[in-house]
PDB file of N, CA and C in Angstrom:
ATOM      1  N   UNK A   1       0.849  -1.168   0.000  1.00  0.00           N
ATOM      2  CA  UNK A   1       0.000   0.000   0.000  1.00  0.00           C
ATOM      3  C   UNK A   1       0.894   1.230   0.000  1.00  0.00           C
ATOM      4  N   UNK A   2       0.672   2.151  -0.896  1.00  0.00           N
ATOM      5  CA  UNK A   2       1.451   3.383  -0.981  1.00  0.00           C
ATOM      6  C   UNK A   2       0.589   4.577  -0.589  1.00  0.00           C
ATOM      7  N   UNK A   3       1.200   5.486   0.133  1.00  0.00           N
ATOM      8  CA  UNK A   3       0.533   6.740   0.480  1.00  0.00           C
ATOM      9  C   UNK A   3       0.966   7.832  -0.479  1.00  0.00           C
ATOM     10  N   UNK A   4       0.198   8.899  -0.553  1.00  0.00           N
ATOM     11  CA  UNK A   4       0.488   9.995  -1.480  1.00  0.00           C
ATOM     12  C   UNK A   4       1.832  10.660  -1.211  1.00  0.00           C
ATOM     13  N   UNK A   5       2.273  10.680   0.038  1.00  0.00           N
ATOM     14  CA  UNK A   5       3.528  11.358   0.365  1.00  0.00           C
ATOM     15  C   UNK A   5       4.753  10.446   0.225  1.00  0.00           C
ATOM     16  N   UNK A   6       4.589   9.270  -0.390  1.00  0.00           N
ATOM     17  CA  UNK A   6       5.725   8.396  -0.647  1.00  0.00           C
ATOM     18  C   UNK A   6       5.959   7.325   0.405  1.00  0.00           C
ATOM     19  N   UNK A   7       5.220   7.368   1.509  1.00  0.00           N
ATOM     20  CA  UNK A   7       5.385   6.328   2.523  1.00  0.00           C
ATOM     21  C   UNK A   7       4.756   5.028   2.031  1.00  0.00           C
ATOM     22  N   UNK A   8       5.180   3.919   2.619  1.00  0.00           N
ATOM     23  CA  UNK A   8       4.633   2.623   2.254  1.00  0.00           C
ATOM     24  C   UNK A   8       4.257   1.853   3.517  1.00  0.00           C
ATOM     25  N   UNK A   9       3.357   0.912   3.366  1.00  0.00           N
ATOM     26  CA  UNK A   9       2.910   0.074   4.472  1.00  0.00           C
ATOM     27  C   UNK A   9       2.976  -1.368   4.020  1.00  0.00           C
ATOM     28  N   UNK A  10       3.530  -2.217   4.862  1.00  0.00           N
ATOM     29  CA  UNK A  10       3.651  -3.629   4.563  1.00  0.00           C
ATOM     30  C   UNK A  10       3.185  -4.405   5.790  1.00  0.00           C
ATOM     31  N   UNK A  11       2.346  -5.389   5.577  1.00  0.00           N
ATOM     32  CA  UNK A  11       1.871  -6.254   6.658  1.00  0.00           C
ATOM     33  C   UNK A  11       2.360  -7.658   6.373  1.00  0.00           C
ATOM     34  N   UNK A  12       2.985  -8.268   7.370  1.00  0.00           N
ATOM     35  CA  UNK A  12       3.488  -9.632   7.242  1.00  0.00           C
ATOM     36  C   UNK A  12       2.770 -10.490   8.272  1.00  0.00           C
ATOM     37  N   UNK A  13       2.199 -11.594   7.829  1.00  0.00           N
ATOM     38  CA  UNK A  13       1.521 -12.515   8.730  1.00  0.00           C
ATOM     39  C   UNK A  13       2.445 -13.700   8.986  1.00  0.00           C
ATOM     40  N   UNK A  14       2.737 -13.965  10.254  1.00  0.00           N
ATOM     41  CA  UNK A  14       3.619 -15.058  10.633  1.00  0.00           C
ATOM     42  C   UNK A  14       2.837 -16.131  11.376  1.00  0.00           C
ATOM     43  N   UNK A  15       3.215 -17.354  11.167  1.00  0.00           N
ATOM     44  CA  UNK A  15       2.614 -18.448  11.925  1.00  0.00           C
ATOM     45  C   UNK A  15       3.206 -18.448  13.324  1.00  0.00           C
ATOM     46  N   UNK A  16       2.404 -18.735  14.296  1.00  0.00           N
ATOM     47  CA  UNK A  16       2.890 -18.760  15.666  1.00  0.00           C
ATOM     48  C   UNK A  16       1.861 -19.361  16.590  1.00  0.00           C
ATOM     49  N   UNK A  17       2.025 -19.096  17.859  1.00  0.00           N
ATOM     50  CA  UNK A  17       1.071 -19.618  18.826  1.00  0.00           C
ATOM     51  C   UNK A  17       0.237 -18.473  19.383  1.00  0.00           C
ATOM     52  N   UNK A  18      -1.031 -18.731  19.660  1.00  0.00           N
ATOM     53  CA  UNK A  18      -1.907 -17.698  20.203  1.00  0.00           C
ATOM     54  C   UNK A  18      -1.656 -17.518  21.699  1.00  0.00           C
ATOM     55  N   UNK A  19      -0.647 -16.723  22.045  1.00  0.00           N
ATOM     56  CA  UNK A  19      -0.214 -16.645  23.442  1.00  0.00           C
ATOM     57  C   UNK A  19      -1.281 -16.103  24.379  1.00  0.00           C
ATOM     58  N   UNK A  20      -2.273 -15.368  23.866  1.00  0.00           N
ATOM     59  CA  UNK A  20      -3.315 -14.851  24.732  1.00  0.00           C
ATOM     60  C   UNK A  20      -4.226 -15.963  25.245  1.00  0.00           C
ATOM     61  N   UNK A  21      -4.298 -17.074  24.502  1.00  0.00           N
ATOM     62  CA  UNK A  21      -5.236 -18.128  24.864  1.00  0.00           C
ATOM     63  C   UNK A  21      -4.570 -19.355  25.483  1.00  0.00           C
ATOM     64  N   UNK A  22      -3.265 -19.327  25.667  1.00  0.00           N
ATOM     65  CA  UNK A  22      -2.562 -20.464  26.252  1.00  0.00           C
ATOM     66  C   UNK A  22      -2.190 -20.187  27.696  1.00  0.00           C
ATOM     67  N   UNK A  23      -2.187 -21.221  28.531  1.00  0.00           N
ATOM     68  CA  UNK A  23      -1.714 -21.052  29.903  1.00  0.00           C
ATOM     69  C   UNK A  23      -0.223 -20.706  29.920  1.00  0.00           C
ATOM     70  N   UNK A  24       0.216 -19.997  30.938  1.00  0.00           N
ATOM     71  CA  UNK A  24       1.623 -19.603  31.055  1.00  0.00           C
ATOM     72  C   UNK A  24       2.564 -20.797  31.019  1.00  0.00           C
ATOM     73  N   UNK A  25       2.155 -21.926  31.588  1.00  0.00           N
ATOM     74  CA  UNK A  25       3.032 -23.107  31.592  1.00  0.00           C
ATOM     75  C   UNK A  25       3.290 -23.611  30.172  1.00  0.00           C
ATOM     76  N   UNK A  26       2.279 -23.564  29.300  1.00  0.00           N
ATOM     77  CA  UNK A  26       2.469 -23.988  27.914  1.00  0.00           C
ATOM     78  C   UNK A  26       3.414 -23.049  27.174  1.00  0.00           C
ATOM     79  N   UNK A  27       3.266 -21.756  27.403  1.00  0.00           N
ATOM     80  CA  UNK A  27       4.142 -20.777  26.756  1.00  0.00           C
ATOM     81  C   UNK A  27       5.580 -20.991  27.206  1.00  0.00           C
ATOM     82  N   UNK A  28       5.794 -21.202  28.502  1.00  0.00           N
ATOM     83  CA  UNK A  28       7.145 -21.426  29.035  1.00  0.00           C
ATOM     84  C   UNK A  28       7.736 -22.717  28.475  1.00  0.00           C
ATOM     85  N   UNK A  29       6.915 -23.770  28.377  1.00  0.00           N
ATOM     86  CA  UNK A  29       7.392 -25.044  27.849  1.00  0.00           C
ATOM     87  C   UNK A  29       7.854 -24.887  26.393  1.00  0.00           C
ATOM     88  N   UNK A  30       7.071 -24.171  25.576  1.00  0.00           N
ATOM     89  CA  UNK A  30       7.454 -23.957  24.171  1.00  0.00           C
ATOM     90  C   UNK A  30       8.700 -23.083  24.055  1.00  0.00           C
ATOM     91  N   UNK A  31       8.796 -22.070  24.909  1.00  0.00           N
ATOM     92  CA  UNK A  31       9.965 -21.196  24.911  1.00  0.00           C
ATOM     93  C   UNK A  31      11.219 -21.980  25.280  1.00  0.00           C
ATOM     94  N   UNK A  32      11.120 -22.793  26.332  1.00  0.00           N
ATOM     95  CA  UNK A  32      12.271 -23.598  26.755  1.00  0.00           C
ATOM     96  C   UNK A  32      12.677 -24.595  25.677  1.00  0.00           C
ATOM     97  N   UNK A  33      11.700 -25.196  25.003  1.00  0.00           N
ATOM     98  CA  UNK A  33      11.985 -26.138  23.933  1.00  0.00           C
ATOM     99  C   UNK A  33      12.715 -25.452  22.780  1.00  0.00           C
ATOM    100  N   UNK A  34      12.248 -24.269  22.405  1.00  0.00           N
ATOM    101  CA  UNK A  34      12.907 -23.514  21.340  1.00  0.00           C
ATOM    102  C   UNK A  34      14.331 -23.129  21.747  1.00  0.00           C
ATOM    103  N   UNK A  35      14.524 -22.739  23.007  1.00  0.00           N
ATOM    104  CA  UNK A  35      15.868 -22.398  23.484  1.00  0.00           C
ATOM    105  C   UNK A  35      16.809 -23.596  23.395  1.00  0.00           C
ATOM    106  N   UNK A  36      16.314 -24.799  23.717  1.00  0.00           N
ATOM    107  CA  UNK A  36      17.159 -25.997  23.620  1.00  0.00           C
ATOM    108  C   UNK A  36      17.561 -26.269  22.169  1.00  0.00           C
ATOM    109  N   UNK A  37      16.636 -26.083  21.240  1.00  0.00           N
ATOM    110  CA  UNK A  37      16.944 -26.292  19.817  1.00  0.00           C
ATOM    111  C   UNK A  37      18.002 -25.301  19.351  1.00  0.00           C
ATOM    112  N   UNK A  38      17.827 -24.032  19.702  1.00  0.00           N
ATOM    113  CA  UNK A  38      18.786 -23.002  19.289  1.00  0.00           C
ATOM    114  C   UNK A  38      20.152 -23.258  19.914  1.00  0.00           C
ATOM    115  N   UNK A  39      20.181 -23.664  21.184  1.00  0.00           N
ATOM    116  CA  UNK A  39      21.460 -23.972  21.844  1.00  0.00           C
ATOM    117  C   UNK A  39      22.149 -25.155  21.166  1.00  0.00           C
ATOM    118  N   UNK A  40      21.382 -26.176  20.791  1.00  0.00           N
ATOM    119  CA  UNK A  40      21.963 -27.334  20.119  1.00  0.00           C
ATOM    120  C   UNK A  40      22.522 -26.942  18.752  1.00  0.00           C
ATOM    121  N   UNK A  41      21.814 -26.090  18.028  1.00  0.00           N
ATOM    122  CA  UNK A  41      22.325 -25.627  16.731  1.00  0.00           C
ATOM    123  C   UNK A  41      23.615 -24.836  16.913  1.00  0.00           C
ATOM    124  N   UNK A  42      23.679 -24.028  17.946  1.00  0.00           N
ATOM    125  CA  UNK A  42      24.890 -23.258  18.219  1.00  0.00           C
ATOM    126  C   UNK A  42      26.070 -24.160  18.519  1.00  0.00           C
ATOM    127  N   UNK A  43      25.827 -25.257  19.225  1.00  0.00           N
ATOM    128  CA  UNK A  43      26.907 -26.193  19.543  1.00  0.00           C
ATOM    129  C   UNK A  43      27.382 -26.921  18.295  1.00  0.00           C
ATOM    130  N   UNK A  44      26.466 -27.238  17.385  1.00  0.00           N
ATOM    131  CA  UNK A  44      26.850 -27.926  16.153  1.00  0.00           C
ATOM    132  C   UNK A  44      27.657 -27.032  15.225  1.00  0.00           C
ATOM    133  N   UNK A  45      27.396 -25.750  15.256  1.00  0.00           N
ATOM    134  CA  UNK A  45      28.045 -24.819  14.332  1.00  0.00           C
ATOM    135  C   UNK A  45      29.229 -24.086  14.939  1.00  0.00           C
ATOM    136  N   UNK A  46      29.690 -24.532  16.097  1.00  0.00           N
ATOM    137  CA  UNK A  46      30.811 -23.832  16.728  1.00  0.00           C
ATOM    138  C   UNK A  46      32.110 -24.126  15.980  1.00  0.00           C
ATOM    139  N   UNK A  47      33.057 -23.200  16.017  1.00  0.00           N
ATOM    140  CA  UNK A  47      34.348 -23.410  15.345  1.00  0.00           C
ATOM    141  C   UNK A  47      35.062 -24.634  15.907  1.00  0.00           C
ATOM    142  N   UNK A  48      35.631 -25.430  15.045  1.00  0.00           N
ATOM    143  CA  UNK A  48      36.394 -26.590  15.464  1.00  0.00           C
ATOM    144  C   UNK A  48      35.566 -27.849  15.600  1.00  0.00           C
ATOM    145  N   UNK A  49      34.245 -27.762  15.464  1.00  0.00           N
ATOM    146  CA  UNK A  49      33.396 -28.948  15.568  1.00  0.00           C
ATOM    147  C   UNK A  49      33.422 -29.670  14.245  1.00  0.00           C
ATOM    148  N   UNK A  50      33.749 -30.974  14.266  1.00  0.00           N
ATOM    149  CA  UNK A  50      33.872 -31.716  13.013  1.00  0.00           C
ATOM    150  C   UNK A  50      32.635 -32.563  12.685  1.00  0.00           C
ATOM    151  N   UNK A  51      31.554 -32.362  13.396  1.00  0.00           N
ATOM    152  CA  UNK A  51      30.335 -33.111  13.108  1.00  0.00           C
ATOM    153  C   UNK A  51      30.323 -34.518  13.666  1.00  0.00           C
ATOM    154  N   UNK A  52      31.276 -34.850  14.503  1.00  0.00           N
ATOM    155  CA  UNK A  52      31.297 -36.162  15.131  1.00  0.00           C
ATOM    156  C   UNK A  52      32.042 -37.222  14.342  1.00  0.00           C
ATOM    157  N   UNK A  53      32.647 -36.854  13.212  1.00  0.00           N
ATOM    158  CA  UNK A  53      33.390 -37.840  12.440  1.00  0.00           C
ATOM    159  C   UNK A  53      34.719 -38.138  13.138  1.00  0.00           C
ATOM    160  N   UNK A  54      35.158 -39.340  13.033  1.00  0.00           N
ATOM    161  CA  UNK A  54      36.410 -39.762  13.683  1.00  0.00           C
ATOM    162  C   UNK A  54      37.533 -39.924  12.681  1.00  0.00           C
ATOM    163  N   UNK A  55      37.469 -39.252  11.568  1.00  0.00           N
ATOM    164  CA  UNK A  55      38.508 -39.418  10.542  1.00  0.00           C
ATOM    165  C   UNK A  55      39.570 -38.372  10.662  1.00  0.00           C
TER     166      UNK A  55
END
């Protein structure tokens, strides 16, 4: 959408969880799970990591 003065508007819809309708424990559980995944990815991509190969 463009405005007359040259400004623009963009709306992006993202998939996610409806945090307003979930109990706090569910939100915390999903957050902790995502943190574990991100931490594991960081460990796999660290400098000097050979992917577990023994060659």
